[in-house]
């Protein structure tokens, strides 16, 4: 099951507005197809994704801890398969 958030363009402006907190995020292509589900400190992770061109769009959900983010990401990955 994908995150219930709107897609945002993966660009510098979006990365700058991303929270500096743990969370889970999805990277998508231009059609909105989920390419990857990852977790970590959102701003740092999205900087890396932008630098490597890992997707065109992103959506995320903040969590309280890195472990909670990792568990949520694993759950989302399992549902995508």
Protein backbone atom coordinates (compact mmCIF):
# COMPACT_ATOMS: atom_id res chain seq x y z
CA UNK A 1 0.00 0.00 0.00
CA UNK A 2 1.54 3.32 -1.01
CA UNK A 3 1.80 6.28 1.33
CA UNK A 4 -1.33 8.40 1.41
CA UNK A 5 0.41 11.60 0.50
CA UNK A 6 0.51 13.75 -2.62
CA UNK A 7 3.50 13.36 -4.91
CA UNK A 8 5.92 16.31 -4.98
CA UNK A 9 8.53 17.00 -7.64
CA UNK A 10 11.93 15.79 -6.48
CA UNK A 11 13.82 19.06 -6.83
CA UNK A 12 15.95 21.38 -4.72
CA UNK A 13 12.96 23.31 -3.40
CA UNK A 14 11.22 20.15 -2.18
CA UNK A 15 14.42 18.85 -0.58
CA UNK A 16 14.91 22.19 1.20
CA UNK A 17 11.38 21.95 2.64
CA UNK A 18 11.76 18.33 3.76
CA UNK A 19 11.89 17.89 7.52
CA UNK A 20 15.18 17.12 9.22
CA UNK A 21 13.52 14.19 10.99
CA UNK A 22 13.27 10.44 10.53
CA UNK A 23 10.68 9.14 8.13
CA UNK A 24 9.77 6.84 5.30
CA UNK A 25 9.64 8.03 1.71
CA UNK A 26 8.69 6.77 -1.71
CA UNK A 27 10.44 7.73 -4.92
CA UNK A 28 8.36 7.68 -8.07
CA UNK A 29 8.70 8.15 -11.79
CA UNK A 30 6.83 10.78 -13.79
CA UNK A 31 3.77 8.52 -14.01
CA UNK A 32 3.51 8.08 -10.23
CA UNK A 33 4.79 4.51 -10.20
CA UNK A 34 6.66 3.74 -6.97
CA UNK A 35 10.30 2.99 -7.75
CA UNK A 36 11.65 2.65 -4.22
CA UNK A 37 10.59 2.80 -0.58
CA UNK A 38 13.32 3.91 1.83
CA UNK A 39 13.76 5.39 5.29
CA UNK A 40 16.14 7.64 7.18
CA UNK A 41 16.55 11.31 7.99
CA UNK A 42 14.32 12.73 5.28
CA UNK A 43 16.26 15.81 4.21
CA UNK A 44 19.55 13.90 4.02
CA UNK A 45 18.00 10.99 2.14
CA UNK A 46 16.28 13.25 -0.37
CA UNK A 47 19.48 15.21 -1.02
CA UNK A 48 21.13 11.93 -1.98
CA UNK A 49 18.18 10.79 -4.11
CA UNK A 50 18.20 14.12 -5.96
CA UNK A 51 21.96 14.00 -6.53
CA UNK A 52 21.77 10.49 -8.01
CA UNK A 53 18.58 11.05 -10.02
CA UNK A 54 16.79 8.19 -8.27
CA UNK A 55 13.29 9.44 -9.12
CA UNK A 56 11.24 12.31 -10.44
CA UNK A 57 8.74 12.54 -7.60
CA UNK A 58 8.72 11.94 -3.86
CA UNK A 59 6.29 11.65 -0.99
CA UNK A 60 7.05 11.01 2.67
CA UNK A 61 5.71 10.45 6.14
CA UNK A 62 7.52 11.56 9.26
CA UNK A 63 8.09 9.19 12.17
CA UNK A 64 9.35 9.62 15.72
CA UNK A 65 12.34 7.31 15.44
CA UNK A 66 14.59 5.78 12.79
CA UNK A 67 13.45 2.31 13.84
CA UNK A 68 9.81 3.25 13.36
CA UNK A 69 10.71 4.60 9.90
CA UNK A 70 12.57 1.39 8.99
CA UNK A 71 9.66 -0.78 10.15
CA UNK A 72 7.14 1.30 8.19
CA UNK A 73 9.32 1.18 5.07
CA UNK A 74 9.60 -2.62 5.33
CA UNK A 75 5.83 -2.88 5.68
CA UNK A 76 5.29 -0.72 2.59
CA UNK A 77 7.85 -2.71 0.57
CA UNK A 78 6.08 -5.96 1.49
CA UNK A 79 2.76 -4.59 0.25
CA UNK A 80 4.25 -3.48 -3.07
CA UNK A 81 5.53 -6.95 -3.93
